Amino acid sequence: MRVVSIKTHPLRPTDTPRLTDIIDRYIPKLVERSVVVVTSKIVAICEGSYVKSDTISHKEALVPAHADLYIPAEENKYGFCLTITDSMLVASAGIDESNADGYYILWPRDAYASAAQIWEYIRQRDEIDELGVVLSDSCTRPLRWGVTAQAISHCGFEPLKDYRGTPDIFNRNLKVTRMNIADHLASTGAFVMGEGSECTPFALVTDVPHMVFMDRPPTTSEIDSLKISLDEDLYGSILKRAPWRKGKKHSL
C-alpha cells in the first residue's frame, strides 16, 4: 500500500474557497482503484460550516445544537464535552478551533452527501470507475493517549470486510470479526497528513488490500451497517450509565 499526503496553501473561512477548485489545483489525475482521504475540516470550510469564535462565549456552547447526546464539559478535567454525534463517540461534536484562524469549524452538514459529491466529481474529471473517498476527523480512544482518526463518511467502496464464519489459521471459525476498512483508511491518511501545521488536508492511498469498490454511493442501510446500538456495543453497559443529556440533533 502506498500513501502520500498532498500539501495545499492555508485555507481560511474568509477565503470562501470552492472545494472543486482546491481539488483541481492540488490533486493530480488519479488512476483506477485510488482512495482519497480528505480532512472533514477542509470540506466544512468550503461548505461554510463554521462559526466566528468571537460571536459566542466558548466552543462548548455550540455542542448541544450539534450532538445527539452530550456529557457536560465539567464532567472531565479538560473542559470538553464528550458527545455521541452521528452515532460516533467524539469530543465536542467534532467542533474544532485548531487551524481555523478565529473560527470554530463544525462537521460538514451532510458528510455522506459531501463524500459522494467529491467521488462523483473526481470520477468524472479523471474518467475512472473505481475510486474511494473517505472524510476523516481526529478522534481519541478510551485509556489511550494520542489521537488517531475515524471516517465520518465514505463513498465508492464497501466499508466492512466480514470475516464471520471464515476460519482462522488454525481452522477455528471467526464469530464476530469485521474489519472496518473506512476507519483504517482514515487513520492511514491522518498518519501522513499530520495534526498540526503541516497544511496537508488530502492523502492519496493506492494498492489498497481488502477493497471492494462500488459504482455508486452507499445506501442508507449500507451506511447504517457501520453503526452499532448501545444494546449491542461491547461498551454499551458503561455508555448507558453515563450522564448523557439530549442534544438537538436527535439522529439516534
C-alpha atoms as a PDB file:
ATOM      1  CA  MET A   1       0.000   0.000   0.000  1.00  0.00           C
ATOM      2  CA  ARG A   2       1.303   3.447  -0.913  1.00  0.00           C
ATOM      3  CA  VAL A   3       0.204   6.585   0.931  1.00  0.00           C
ATOM      4  CA  VAL A   4       1.185  10.164   0.134  1.00  0.00           C
ATOM      5  CA  SER A   5      -0.027  13.440   1.592  1.00  0.00           C
ATOM      6  CA  ILE A   6      -0.879  16.496  -0.510  1.00  0.00           C
ATOM      7  CA  LYS A   7       0.124  19.958   0.667  1.00  0.00           C
ATOM      8  CA  THR A   8      -2.037  23.000  -0.043  1.00  0.00           C
ATOM      9  CA  HIS A   9      -1.910  26.666   0.815  1.00  0.00           C
ATOM     10  CA  PRO A  10      -3.549  27.620   4.155  1.00  0.00           C
ATOM     11  CA  LEU A  11      -7.324  27.580   3.735  1.00  0.00           C
ATOM     12  CA  ARG A  12      -9.336  30.089   5.765  1.00  0.00           C
ATOM     13  CA  PRO A  13     -13.092  30.553   6.048  1.00  0.00           C
ATOM     14  CA  THR A  14     -12.629  34.162   4.924  1.00  0.00           C
ATOM     15  CA  ASP A  15     -11.243  32.912   1.598  1.00  0.00           C
ATOM     16  CA  THR A  16     -14.611  31.278   0.726  1.00  0.00           C
ATOM     17  CA  PRO A  17     -12.807  28.569  -1.265  1.00  0.00           C
ATOM     18  CA  ARG A  18     -14.580  26.156  -3.592  1.00  0.00           C
ATOM     19  CA  LEU A  19     -13.678  22.550  -2.903  1.00  0.00           C
ATOM     20  CA  THR A  20     -13.632  21.608  -6.583  1.00  0.00           C
ATOM     21  CA  ASP A  21     -11.132  24.400  -7.234  1.00  0.00           C
ATOM     22  CA  ILE A  22      -8.912  23.088  -4.425  1.00  0.00           C
ATOM     23  CA  ILE A  23      -9.189  19.550  -5.802  1.00  0.00           C
ATOM     24  CA  ASP A  24      -8.272  20.689  -9.315  1.00  0.00           C
ATOM     25  CA  ARG A  25      -5.342  22.761  -8.080  1.00  0.00           C
ATOM     26  CA  TYR A  26      -3.731  20.135  -5.862  1.00  0.00           C
ATOM     27  CA  ILE A  27      -4.971  16.604  -6.567  1.00  0.00           C
ATOM     28  CA  PRO A  28      -3.333  15.113  -9.676  1.00  0.00           C
ATOM     29  CA  LYS A  29      -5.105  12.918 -12.179  1.00  0.00           C
ATOM     30  CA  LEU A  30      -5.895   9.681 -10.388  1.00  0.00           C
ATOM     31  CA  VAL A  31      -5.686   6.095 -11.560  1.00  0.00           C
ATOM     32  CA  GLU A  32      -8.184   3.306 -11.047  1.00  0.00           C
ATOM     33  CA  ARG A  33      -8.555   1.922  -7.512  1.00  0.00           C
ATOM     34  CA  SER A  34      -7.293   5.083  -5.844  1.00  0.00           C
ATOM     35  CA  VAL A  35      -8.602   6.268  -2.480  1.00  0.00           C
ATOM     36  CA  VAL A  36      -8.709   9.937  -1.484  1.00  0.00           C
ATOM     37  CA  VAL A  37      -8.752  10.725   2.229  1.00  0.00           C
ATOM     38  CA  VAL A  38      -9.989  14.252   2.941  1.00  0.00           C
ATOM     39  CA  THR A  39      -9.998  16.000   6.297  1.00  0.00           C
ATOM     40  CA  SER A  40     -13.538  16.920   7.241  1.00  0.00           C
ATOM     41  CA  LYS A  41     -12.303  20.398   8.194  1.00  0.00           C
ATOM     42  CA  ILE A  42     -11.467  21.441   4.644  1.00  0.00           C
ATOM     43  CA  VAL A  43     -14.875  20.236   3.453  1.00  0.00           C
ATOM     44  CA  ALA A  44     -16.625  22.150   6.229  1.00  0.00           C
ATOM     45  CA  ILE A  45     -14.678  25.324   5.437  1.00  0.00           C
ATOM     46  CA  CYS A  46     -15.577  25.119   1.763  1.00  0.00           C
ATOM     47  CA  GLU A  47     -19.235  24.489   2.631  1.00  0.00           C
ATOM     48  CA  GLY A  48     -19.427  27.377   5.101  1.00  0.00           C
ATOM     49  CA  SER A  49     -19.927  25.131   8.119  1.00  0.00           C
ATOM     50  CA  TYR A  50     -18.256  27.318  10.750  1.00  0.00           C
ATOM     51  CA  VAL A  51     -18.933  29.979  13.398  1.00  0.00           C
ATOM     52  CA  LYS A  52     -16.782  33.002  14.207  1.00  0.00           C
ATOM     53  CA  SER A  53     -15.295  32.403  17.640  1.00  0.00           C
ATOM     54  CA  ASP A  54     -15.892  35.903  18.996  1.00  0.00           C
ATOM     55  CA  THR A  55     -19.663  35.586  18.476  1.00  0.00           C
ATOM     56  CA  ILE A  56     -20.155  33.024  21.262  1.00  0.00           C
ATOM     57  CA  SER A  57     -18.841  32.634  24.795  1.00  0.00           C
ATOM     58  CA  HIS A  58     -16.941  29.361  24.218  1.00  0.00           C
ATOM     59  CA  LYS A  59     -16.794  26.393  21.872  1.00  0.00           C
ATOM     60  CA  GLU A  60     -18.749  24.013  24.092  1.00  0.00           C
ATOM     61  CA  ALA A  61     -21.769  26.335  23.866  1.00  0.00           C
ATOM     62  CA  LEU A  62     -22.215  25.054  20.315  1.00  0.00           C
ATOM     63  CA  VAL A  63     -22.252  21.387  21.297  1.00  0.00           C
ATOM     64  CA  PRO A  64     -25.931  20.860  22.286  1.00  0.00           C
ATOM     65  CA  ALA A  65     -27.101  22.001  18.855  1.00  0.00           C
ATOM     66  CA  HIS A  66     -24.760  19.652  17.002  1.00  0.00           C
ATOM     67  CA  ALA A  67     -24.745  16.487  19.132  1.00  0.00           C
ATOM     68  CA  ASP A  68     -27.222  13.657  19.571  1.00  0.00           C
ATOM     69  CA  LEU A  69     -26.154  13.179  23.185  1.00  0.00           C
ATOM     70  CA  TYR A  70     -23.561  15.011  25.261  1.00  0.00           C
ATOM     71  CA  ILE A  71     -21.957  14.944  28.682  1.00  0.00           C
ATOM     72  CA  PRO A  72     -21.368  18.433  30.117  1.00  0.00           C
ATOM     73  CA  ALA A  73     -17.819  19.751  29.994  1.00  0.00           C
ATOM     74  CA  GLU A  74     -17.498  19.954  33.769  1.00  0.00           C
ATOM     75  CA  GLU A  75     -17.524  16.153  33.925  1.00  0.00           C
ATOM     76  CA  ASN A  76     -13.872  15.992  32.796  1.00  0.00           C
ATOM     77  CA  LYS A  77     -10.676  17.884  33.593  1.00  0.00           C
ATOM     78  CA  TYR A  78     -10.166  19.194  30.045  1.00  0.00           C
ATOM     79  CA  GLY A  79     -13.360  21.205  29.676  1.00  0.00           C
ATOM     80  CA  PHE A  80     -14.585  19.319  26.590  1.00  0.00           C
ATOM     81  CA  CYS A  81     -17.995  17.785  26.136  1.00  0.00           C
ATOM     82  CA  LEU A  82     -17.977  14.106  25.299  1.00  0.00           C
ATOM     83  CA  THR A  83     -20.659  13.503  22.682  1.00  0.00           C
ATOM     84  CA  ILE A  84     -22.355  10.918  20.559  1.00  0.00           C
ATOM     85  CA  THR A  85     -22.738  12.581  17.184  1.00  0.00           C
ATOM     86  CA  ASP A  86     -23.983  10.752  14.086  1.00  0.00           C
ATOM     87  CA  SER A  87     -23.600   7.528  16.093  1.00  0.00           C
ATOM     88  CA  MET A  88     -19.895   8.204  16.780  1.00  0.00           C
ATOM     89  CA  LEU A  89     -18.237   8.878  20.110  1.00  0.00           C
ATOM     90  CA  VAL A  90     -16.395  12.163  19.637  1.00  0.00           C
ATOM     91  CA  ALA A  91     -15.243  15.174  21.623  1.00  0.00           C
ATOM     92  CA  SER A  92     -17.235  18.408  21.243  1.00  0.00           C
ATOM     93  CA  ALA A  93     -19.419  17.048  18.410  1.00  0.00           C
ATOM     94  CA  GLY A  94     -16.367  17.331  16.155  1.00  0.00           C
ATOM     95  CA  ILE A  95     -16.212  21.121  16.558  1.00  0.00           C
ATOM     96  CA  ASP A  96     -12.608  22.312  16.301  1.00  0.00           C
ATOM     97  CA  GLU A  97     -10.717  25.585  16.600  1.00  0.00           C
ATOM     98  CA  SER A  98      -7.247  24.438  15.529  1.00  0.00           C
ATOM     99  CA  ASN A  99      -6.016  25.714  12.146  1.00  0.00           C
ATOM    100  CA  ALA A 100      -9.214  27.734  11.946  1.00  0.00           C
ATOM    101  CA  ASP A 101      -7.975  31.351  12.135  1.00  0.00           C
ATOM    102  CA  GLY A 102     -10.502  32.631  14.672  1.00  0.00           C
ATOM    103  CA  TYR A 103     -13.400  30.341  13.789  1.00  0.00           C
ATOM    104  CA  TYR A 104     -14.971  27.188  15.177  1.00  0.00           C
ATOM    105  CA  ILE A 105     -15.154  24.636  12.391  1.00  0.00           C
ATOM    106  CA  LEU A 106     -18.140  22.290  12.541  1.00  0.00           C
ATOM    107  CA  TRP A 107     -18.562  18.959  10.804  1.00  0.00           C
ATOM    108  CA  PRO A 108     -19.952  19.088   7.261  1.00  0.00           C
ATOM    109  CA  ARG A 109     -23.732  19.385   7.359  1.00  0.00           C
ATOM    110  CA  ASP A 110     -24.201  16.100   5.479  1.00  0.00           C
ATOM    111  CA  ALA A 111     -20.882  14.267   5.421  1.00  0.00           C
ATOM    112  CA  TYR A 112     -22.142  11.433   3.224  1.00  0.00           C
ATOM    113  CA  ALA A 113     -23.531  13.818   0.625  1.00  0.00           C
ATOM    114  CA  SER A 114     -20.203  15.684   0.648  1.00  0.00           C
ATOM    115  CA  ALA A 115     -18.217  12.459   0.146  1.00  0.00           C
ATOM    116  CA  ALA A 116     -20.499  11.457  -2.724  1.00  0.00           C
ATOM    117  CA  GLN A 117     -20.049  14.848  -4.407  1.00  0.00           C
ATOM    118  CA  ILE A 118     -16.251  14.563  -4.207  1.00  0.00           C
ATOM    119  CA  TRP A 119     -16.455  10.987  -5.520  1.00  0.00           C
ATOM    120  CA  GLU A 120     -18.657  11.966  -8.485  1.00  0.00           C
ATOM    121  CA  TYR A 121     -16.515  14.969  -9.354  1.00  0.00           C
ATOM    122  CA  ILE A 122     -13.160  13.172  -9.380  1.00  0.00           C
ATOM    123  CA  ARG A 123     -14.541  10.130 -11.221  1.00  0.00           C
ATOM    124  CA  GLN A 124     -15.867  12.344 -13.993  1.00  0.00           C
ATOM    125  CA  ARG A 125     -12.820  14.586 -14.049  1.00  0.00           C
ATOM    126  CA  ASP A 126     -10.327  11.735 -14.303  1.00  0.00           C
ATOM    127  CA  GLU A 127     -12.552   9.306 -16.229  1.00  0.00           C
ATOM    128  CA  ILE A 128     -12.111   6.469 -13.763  1.00  0.00           C
ATOM    129  CA  ASP A 129     -14.603   3.960 -12.379  1.00  0.00           C
ATOM    130  CA  GLU A 130     -13.083   2.574  -9.177  1.00  0.00           C
ATOM    131  CA  LEU A 131     -12.482   5.322  -6.646  1.00  0.00           C
ATOM    132  CA  GLY A 132     -12.863   5.560  -2.893  1.00  0.00           C
ATOM    133  CA  VAL A 133     -13.391   8.715  -0.858  1.00  0.00           C
ATOM    134  CA  VAL A 134     -13.115   8.989   2.923  1.00  0.00           C
ATOM    135  CA  LEU A 135     -13.878  12.062   5.021  1.00  0.00           C
ATOM    136  CA  SER A 136     -11.786  11.789   8.174  1.00  0.00           C
ATOM    137  CA  ASP A 137     -11.589  13.502  11.534  1.00  0.00           C
ATOM    138  CA  SER A 138      -9.310  13.028  14.514  1.00  0.00           C
ATOM    139  CA  CYS A 139     -10.576  11.051  17.478  1.00  0.00           C
ATOM    140  CA  THR A 140      -9.375   9.784  20.823  1.00  0.00           C
ATOM    141  CA  ARG A 141      -9.757   6.309  22.289  1.00  0.00           C
ATOM    142  CA  PRO A 142     -10.538   5.430  25.898  1.00  0.00           C
ATOM    143  CA  LEU A 143      -7.490   4.576  28.012  1.00  0.00           C
ATOM    144  CA  ARG A 144      -5.017   5.602  25.282  1.00  0.00           C
ATOM    145  CA  TRP A 145      -3.101   8.865  24.858  1.00  0.00           C
ATOM    146  CA  GLY A 146      -2.921  10.383  21.389  1.00  0.00           C
ATOM    147  CA  VAL A 147      -5.337  10.867  18.517  1.00  0.00           C
ATOM    148  CA  THR A 148      -5.954   8.621  15.553  1.00  0.00           C
ATOM    149  CA  ALA A 149      -8.768   9.204  13.058  1.00  0.00           C
ATOM    150  CA  GLN A 150     -12.130   7.845  12.073  1.00  0.00           C
ATOM    151  CA  ALA A 151     -14.184   8.023   8.913  1.00  0.00           C
ATOM    152  CA  ILE A 152     -17.160  10.306   9.368  1.00  0.00           C
ATOM    153  CA  SER A 153     -18.289   9.271   5.883  1.00  0.00           C
ATOM    154  CA  HIS A 154     -17.155   7.285   2.873  1.00  0.00           C
ATOM    155  CA  CYS A 155     -18.130   6.635  -0.733  1.00  0.00           C
ATOM    156  CA  GLY A 156     -17.271   4.194  -3.506  1.00  0.00           C
ATOM    157  CA  PHE A 157     -16.394   1.032  -1.583  1.00  0.00           C
ATOM    158  CA  GLU A 158     -17.678  -1.486   0.921  1.00  0.00           C
ATOM    159  CA  PRO A 159     -16.612  -0.171   4.344  1.00  0.00           C
ATOM    160  CA  LEU A 160     -16.514  -3.502   6.185  1.00  0.00           C
ATOM    161  CA  LYS A 161     -14.745  -6.774   5.440  1.00  0.00           C
ATOM    162  CA  ASP A 162     -16.740  -9.536   7.082  1.00  0.00           C
ATOM    163  CA  TYR A 163     -14.717 -12.439   8.496  1.00  0.00           C
ATOM    164  CA  ARG A 164     -17.604 -14.069  10.351  1.00  0.00           C
ATOM    165  CA  GLY A 165     -17.909 -17.734   9.541  1.00  0.00           C
ATOM    166  CA  THR A 166     -14.457 -17.929   7.960  1.00  0.00           C
ATOM    167  CA  PRO A 167     -11.619 -19.955   9.515  1.00  0.00           C
ATOM    168  CA  ASP A 168      -8.549 -18.532  11.191  1.00  0.00           C
ATOM    169  CA  ILE A 169      -5.104 -20.062  10.579  1.00  0.00           C
ATOM    170  CA  PHE A 170      -5.942 -22.960  12.925  1.00  0.00           C
ATOM    171  CA  ASN A 171      -9.319 -23.598  11.290  1.00  0.00           C
ATOM    172  CA  ARG A 172     -11.368 -22.038  14.071  1.00  0.00           C
ATOM    173  CA  ASN A 173     -14.325 -20.159  12.642  1.00  0.00           C
ATOM    174  CA  LEU A 174     -14.432 -16.467  13.489  1.00  0.00           C
ATOM    175  CA  LYS A 175     -17.690 -15.392  15.129  1.00  0.00           C
ATOM    176  CA  VAL A 176     -17.808 -11.596  15.360  1.00  0.00           C
ATOM    177  CA  THR A 177     -14.799 -10.181  13.476  1.00  0.00           C
ATOM    178  CA  ARG A 178     -15.455  -7.489  10.901  1.00  0.00           C
ATOM    179  CA  MET A 179     -12.645  -5.199   9.766  1.00  0.00           C
ATOM    180  CA  ASN A 180     -13.558  -1.527   9.470  1.00  0.00           C
ATOM    181  CA  ILE A 181     -11.842  -0.551   6.215  1.00  0.00           C
ATOM    182  CA  ALA A 182     -13.200   3.017   6.264  1.00  0.00           C
ATOM    183  CA  ASP A 183     -11.678   3.792   9.667  1.00  0.00           C
ATOM    184  CA  HIS A 184      -8.396   2.086   8.753  1.00  0.00           C
ATOM    185  CA  LEU A 185      -8.143   4.310   5.682  1.00  0.00           C
ATOM    186  CA  ALA A 186      -8.992   7.409   7.725  1.00  0.00           C
ATOM    187  CA  SER A 187      -6.169   6.657  10.168  1.00  0.00           C
ATOM    188  CA  THR A 188      -3.773   5.775   7.363  1.00  0.00           C
ATOM    189  CA  GLY A 189      -4.423   9.127   5.724  1.00  0.00           C
ATOM    190  CA  ALA A 190      -4.242  11.030   9.001  1.00  0.00           C
ATOM    191  CA  PHE A 191      -0.860   9.477   9.763  1.00  0.00           C
ATOM    192  CA  VAL A 192       0.766  11.133   6.739  1.00  0.00           C
ATOM    193  CA  MET A 193      -1.348  14.296   6.892  1.00  0.00           C
ATOM    194  CA  GLY A 194      -0.414  15.052  10.497  1.00  0.00           C
ATOM    195  CA  GLU A 195      -2.281  17.025  13.152  1.00  0.00           C
ATOM    196  CA  GLY A 196      -0.512  20.396  13.359  1.00  0.00           C
ATOM    197  CA  SER A 197       0.827  22.951  10.892  1.00  0.00           C
ATOM    198  CA  GLU A 198       1.562  20.519   8.046  1.00  0.00           C
ATOM    199  CA  CYS A 199      -1.148  22.031   5.813  1.00  0.00           C
ATOM    200  CA  THR A 200      -1.810  18.674   4.142  1.00  0.00           C
ATOM    201  CA  PRO A 201      -5.592  18.115   4.076  1.00  0.00           C
ATOM    202  CA  PHE A 202      -5.532  15.328   1.469  1.00  0.00           C
ATOM    203  CA  ALA A 203      -3.929  11.911   1.282  1.00  0.00           C
ATOM    204  CA  LEU A 204      -3.855   9.540  -1.694  1.00  0.00           C
ATOM    205  CA  VAL A 205      -3.846   5.815  -0.996  1.00  0.00           C
ATOM    206  CA  THR A 206      -3.150   3.254  -3.716  1.00  0.00           C
ATOM    207  CA  ASP A 207      -2.594  -0.504  -3.861  1.00  0.00           C
ATOM    208  CA  VAL A 208      -5.070  -0.957  -1.007  1.00  0.00           C
ATOM    209  CA  PRO A 209      -5.779  -4.555   0.054  1.00  0.00           C
ATOM    210  CA  HIS A 210      -9.238  -5.830   1.020  1.00  0.00           C
ATOM    211  CA  MET A 211     -11.012  -3.217  -1.104  1.00  0.00           C
ATOM    212  CA  VAL A 212     -14.280  -3.941  -2.855  1.00  0.00           C
ATOM    213  CA  PHE A 213     -15.119  -0.880  -4.934  1.00  0.00           C
ATOM    214  CA  MET A 214     -18.679   0.138  -5.766  1.00  0.00           C
ATOM    215  CA  ASP A 215     -20.070   2.071  -8.709  1.00  0.00           C
ATOM    216  CA  ARG A 216     -22.437   4.154  -6.582  1.00  0.00           C
ATOM    217  CA  PRO A 217     -22.661   5.943  -3.232  1.00  0.00           C
ATOM    218  CA  PRO A 218     -23.675   3.818  -0.253  1.00  0.00           C
ATOM    219  CA  THR A 219     -27.339   3.320   0.540  1.00  0.00           C
ATOM    220  CA  THR A 220     -28.827   4.283   3.893  1.00  0.00           C
ATOM    221  CA  SER A 221     -28.796   0.647   5.007  1.00  0.00           C
ATOM    222  CA  GLU A 222     -25.137   0.311   3.969  1.00  0.00           C
ATOM    223  CA  ILE A 223     -24.256   3.430   5.950  1.00  0.00           C
ATOM    224  CA  ASP A 224     -26.150   2.044   8.931  1.00  0.00           C
ATOM    225  CA  SER A 225     -24.136  -1.193   8.719  1.00  0.00           C
ATOM    226  CA  LEU A 226     -21.247   0.688  10.339  1.00  0.00           C
ATOM    227  CA  LYS A 227     -23.320   1.725  13.329  1.00  0.00           C
ATOM    228  CA  ILE A 228     -23.795  -0.320  16.459  1.00  0.00           C
ATOM    229  CA  SER A 229     -26.519   0.268  19.019  1.00  0.00           C
ATOM    230  CA  LEU A 230     -25.764   0.725  22.696  1.00  0.00           C
ATOM    231  CA  ASP A 231     -27.537  -2.572  23.368  1.00  0.00           C
ATOM    232  CA  GLU A 232     -25.160  -4.413  21.026  1.00  0.00           C
ATOM    233  CA  ASP A 233     -22.000  -2.474  21.797  1.00  0.00           C
ATOM    234  CA  LEU A 234     -19.337  -4.147  23.929  1.00  0.00           C
ATOM    235  CA  TYR A 235     -19.055  -0.874  25.868  1.00  0.00           C
ATOM    236  CA  GLY A 236     -22.804  -0.270  25.971  1.00  0.00           C
ATOM    237  CA  SER A 237     -23.222  -1.086  29.657  1.00  0.00           C
ATOM    238  CA  ILE A 238     -20.736   1.679  30.512  1.00  0.00           C
ATOM    239  CA  LEU A 239     -22.052   4.197  27.992  1.00  0.00           C
ATOM    240  CA  LYS A 240     -25.664   3.738  29.043  1.00  0.00           C
ATOM    241  CA  ARG A 241     -24.749   4.635  32.629  1.00  0.00           C
ATOM    242  CA  ALA A 242     -23.086   7.902  31.628  1.00  0.00           C
ATOM    243  CA  PRO A 243     -24.857  11.208  32.483  1.00  0.00           C
ATOM    244  CA  TRP A 244     -25.941  11.970  28.918  1.00  0.00           C
ATOM    245  CA  ARG A 245     -28.052  14.966  28.033  1.00  0.00           C
ATOM    246  CA  LYS A 246     -30.033  15.097  24.833  1.00  0.00           C
ATOM    247  CA  GLY A 247     -28.728  17.361  22.117  1.00  0.00           C
ATOM    248  CA  LYS A 248     -30.826  18.910  19.396  1.00  0.00           C
ATOM    249  CA  LYS A 249     -29.559  16.764  16.539  1.00  0.00           C
ATOM    250  CA  HIS A 250     -31.516  13.690  17.612  1.00  0.00           C
ATOM    251  CA  SER A 251     -30.316  11.315  14.889  1.00  0.00           C
ATOM    252  CA  LEU A 252     -30.261   8.388  17.350  1.00  0.00           C
END
